[in-house]
C-alpha atoms as a PDB file:
ATOM      1  CA  MET A   1    -136.180 146.018  12.389  1.00  0.00           C
ATOM      2  CA  ASN A   2    -138.902 148.622  12.407  1.00  0.00           C
ATOM      3  CA  THR A   3    -140.815 149.202  15.610  1.00  0.00           C
ATOM      4  CA  ILE A   4    -144.501 148.509  15.065  1.00  0.00           C
ATOM      5  CA  THR A   5    -146.984 149.938  17.542  1.00  0.00           C
ATOM      6  CA  ILE A   6    -150.238 148.775  15.898  1.00  0.00           C
ATOM      7  CA  CYS A   7    -151.214 145.716  13.881  1.00  0.00           C
ATOM      8  CA  PRO A   8    -151.213 146.489  10.122  1.00  0.00           C
ATOM      9  CA  GLN A   9    -154.149 144.140   9.539  1.00  0.00           C
ATOM     10  CA  CYS A  10    -156.666 144.809  12.346  1.00  0.00           C
ATOM     11  CA  GLN A  11    -155.275 148.104  13.757  1.00  0.00           C
ATOM     12  CA  SER A  12    -155.094 146.619  17.283  1.00  0.00           C
ATOM     13  CA  GLU A  13    -152.573 148.042  19.742  1.00  0.00           C
ATOM     14  CA  ASN A  14    -151.931 144.637  21.360  1.00  0.00           C
ATOM     15  CA  ILE A  15    -149.055 143.687  19.031  1.00  0.00           C
ATOM     16  CA  TYR A  16    -145.881 142.301  20.626  1.00  0.00           C
ATOM     17  CA  PHE A  17    -142.389 141.258  19.529  1.00  0.00           C
ATOM     18  CA  ASP A  18    -141.383 137.644  20.312  1.00  0.00           C
ATOM     19  CA  GLY A  19    -137.742 137.925  19.292  1.00  0.00           C
ATOM     20  CA  THR A  20    -138.111 137.279  15.571  1.00  0.00           C
ATOM     21  CA  LEU A  21    -141.639 138.357  14.586  1.00  0.00           C
ATOM     22  CA  TYR A  22    -144.255 140.909  15.554  1.00  0.00           C
ATOM     23  CA  ILE A  23    -147.442 139.036  16.502  1.00  0.00           C
ATOM     24  CA  CYS A  24    -150.993 140.308  16.975  1.00  0.00           C
ATOM     25  CA  PRO A  25    -152.934 138.112  19.434  1.00  0.00           C
ATOM     26  CA  ASP A  26    -156.278 139.539  18.245  1.00  0.00           C
ATOM     27  CA  CYS A  27    -156.096 138.478  14.577  1.00  0.00           C
ATOM     28  CA  ALA A  28    -153.040 136.135  14.642  1.00  0.00           C
ATOM     29  CA  TYR A  29    -151.211 138.317  12.113  1.00  0.00           C
ATOM     30  CA  GLU A  30    -147.435 137.825  12.032  1.00  0.00           C
ATOM     31  CA  THR A  31    -144.893 140.100  10.394  1.00  0.00           C
ATOM     32  CA  ASN A  32    -141.181 140.718  10.538  1.00  0.00           C
ATOM     33  CA  GLY A  33    -141.773 144.480  10.396  1.00  0.00           C
ATOM     34  CA  SER A  34    -140.543 145.095   6.851  1.00  0.00           C
ATOM     35  CA  ASP A  35    -143.995 145.059   5.219  1.00  0.00           C
ATOM     36  CA  GLU A  36    -145.500 147.694   7.555  1.00  0.00           C
ATOM     37  CA  SER A  37    -145.486 150.519   4.994  1.00  0.00           C
ATOM     38  CA  ALA A  38    -147.253 148.399   2.365  1.00  0.00           C
ATOM     39  CA  THR A  39    -150.277 147.550   4.504  1.00  0.00           C
ATOM     40  CA  ALA A  40    -150.439 150.641   6.719  1.00  0.00           C
ATOM     41  CA  THR A  41    -151.607 152.843   3.827  1.00  0.00           C
ATOM     42  CA  ASP A  42    -154.599 150.624   3.017  1.00  0.00           C
ATOM     43  CA  ASN A  43    -157.626 152.906   3.420  1.00  0.00           C
ATOM     44  CA  THR A  44    -160.359 150.578   2.211  1.00  0.00           C
ATOM     45  CA  PRO A  45    -163.078 149.441   4.595  1.00  0.00           C
ATOM     46  CA  ARG A  46    -163.245 145.671   4.974  1.00  0.00           C
ATOM     47  CA  ASP A  47    -165.827 143.246   6.325  1.00  0.00           C
ATOM     48  CA  SER A  48    -165.204 140.557   8.941  1.00  0.00           C
ATOM     49  CA  ASN A  49    -163.648 138.247   6.315  1.00  0.00           C
ATOM     50  CA  GLY A  50    -161.380 140.910   4.816  1.00  0.00           C
ATOM     51  CA  ALA A  51    -163.424 141.575   1.664  1.00  0.00           C
ATOM     52  CA  GLU A  52    -163.429 145.189   0.499  1.00  0.00           C
ATOM     53  CA  LEU A  53    -166.661 147.109   1.006  1.00  0.00           C
ATOM     54  CA  ALA A  54    -167.989 149.833  -1.289  1.00  0.00           C
ATOM     55  CA  THR A  55    -170.997 152.129  -1.244  1.00  0.00           C
ATOM     56  CA  GLY A  56    -174.077 150.292  -2.502  1.00  0.00           C
ATOM     57  CA  ASP A  57    -172.905 146.801  -1.504  1.00  0.00           C
ATOM     58  CA  ALA A  58    -175.247 144.291   0.106  1.00  0.00           C
ATOM     59  CA  VAL A  59    -174.019 142.704   3.328  1.00  0.00           C
ATOM     60  CA  THR A  60    -175.219 140.191   5.926  1.00  0.00           C
ATOM     61  CA  VAL A  61    -175.077 140.607   9.716  1.00  0.00           C
ATOM     62  CA  ILE A  62    -173.029 137.770  11.281  1.00  0.00           C
ATOM     63  CA  GLN A  63    -174.289 137.963  14.888  1.00  0.00           C
ATOM     64  CA  ASP A  64    -177.287 139.283  16.837  1.00  0.00           C
ATOM     65  CA  LEU A  65    -176.832 142.976  17.616  1.00  0.00           C
ATOM     66  CA  LYS A  66    -178.698 144.989  20.240  1.00  0.00           C
ATOM     67  CA  VAL A  67    -179.400 148.550  19.107  1.00  0.00           C
ATOM     68  CA  LYS A  68    -178.461 151.117  21.748  1.00  0.00           C
ATOM     69  CA  GLY A  69    -181.342 153.330  22.851  1.00  0.00           C
ATOM     70  CA  SER A  70    -183.925 150.973  21.413  1.00  0.00           C
ATOM     71  CA  SER A  71    -185.499 147.625  22.153  1.00  0.00           C
ATOM     72  CA  MET A  72    -184.713 146.539  18.585  1.00  0.00           C
ATOM     73  CA  VAL A  73    -182.409 143.569  17.955  1.00  0.00           C
ATOM     74  CA  ILE A  74    -180.829 142.983  14.545  1.00  0.00           C
ATOM     75  CA  LYS A  75    -180.864 139.221  14.063  1.00  0.00           C
ATOM     76  CA  ARG A  76    -177.978 137.205  12.642  1.00  0.00           C
ATOM     77  CA  GLY A  77    -178.451 136.647   8.914  1.00  0.00           C
ATOM     78  CA  THR A  78    -180.250 139.958   8.301  1.00  0.00           C
ATOM     79  CA  LYS A  79    -179.459 141.154   4.789  1.00  0.00           C
ATOM     80  CA  VAL A  80    -178.664 144.852   4.474  1.00  0.00           C
ATOM     81  CA  LYS A  81    -178.811 146.407   1.018  1.00  0.00           C
ATOM     82  CA  SER A  82    -177.224 149.645  -0.187  1.00  0.00           C
ATOM     83  CA  ILE A  83    -174.724 150.388   2.555  1.00  0.00           C
ATOM     84  CA  ARG A  84    -173.049 153.791   2.612  1.00  0.00           C
ATOM     85  CA  LEU A  85    -169.437 154.253   3.703  1.00  0.00           C
ATOM     86  CA  THR A  86    -168.642 156.776   6.433  1.00  0.00           C
ATOM     87  CA  ASP A  87    -165.491 158.725   7.242  1.00  0.00           C
ATOM     88  CA  ASN A  88    -164.617 156.034   9.784  1.00  0.00           C
ATOM     89  CA  LEU A  89    -163.264 152.906   8.051  1.00  0.00           C
ATOM     90  CA  GLU A  90    -164.768 150.654  10.734  1.00  0.00           C
ATOM     91  CA  GLU A  91    -168.366 151.864  10.285  1.00  0.00           C
ATOM     92  CA  VAL A  92    -171.030 151.827   7.565  1.00  0.00           C
ATOM     93  CA  ASP A  93    -174.372 153.607   7.440  1.00  0.00           C
ATOM     94  CA  CYS A  94    -177.469 151.647   6.395  1.00  0.00           C
ATOM     95  CA  LYS A  95    -181.230 151.367   6.791  1.00  0.00           C
ATOM     96  CA  ILE A  96    -182.817 148.433   8.599  1.00  0.00           C
ATOM     97  CA  ASP A  97    -186.606 148.305   8.997  1.00  0.00           C
ATOM     98  CA  GLY A  98    -186.827 151.987   8.037  1.00  0.00           C
ATOM     99  CA  SER A  99    -184.338 153.108  10.704  1.00  0.00           C
ATOM    100  CA  SER A 100    -181.004 154.628   9.750  1.00  0.00           C
ATOM    101  CA  ILE A 101    -178.300 152.752  11.680  1.00  0.00           C
ATOM    102  CA  VAL A 102    -174.505 152.819  11.772  1.00  0.00           C
ATOM    103  CA  LEU A 103    -172.971 149.335  11.987  1.00  0.00           C
ATOM    104  CA  LYS A 104    -169.397 148.262  12.656  1.00  0.00           C
ATOM    105  CA  THR A 105    -167.822 146.415   9.728  1.00  0.00           C
ATOM    106  CA  CYS A 106    -166.538 143.646  12.020  1.00  0.00           C
ATOM    107  CA  TYR A 107    -170.152 142.390  12.327  1.00  0.00           C
ATOM    108  CA  LEU A 108    -170.790 142.300   8.565  1.00  0.00           C
ATOM    109  CA  ARG A 109    -170.084 139.816   5.774  1.00  0.00           C
ATOM    110  CA  LYS A 110    -170.241 140.675   2.091  1.00  0.00           C
END
């Protein structure tokens, strides 16, 4: 068995070994450890449902988000057009109401 220190699906460090499988309590991903190399090299940003994101995609915000340093709140269901990918796989750059904002992909749906 390989020793896994992070979850191949959600990159969480909370993964544990229950005797037969490695289990991630955050995303409920289960693996026996042999498929780690196949999913660990996946460098595509994904939305909250696991769909691949690309520059220029249109996405929808899935929950109300407070913007730090501002009194602005991005409401659930807000459609964001023309996202731009960043160097960080968990973040996308976009414009909402004329303001350039970086959003986490876990709050977006394609």
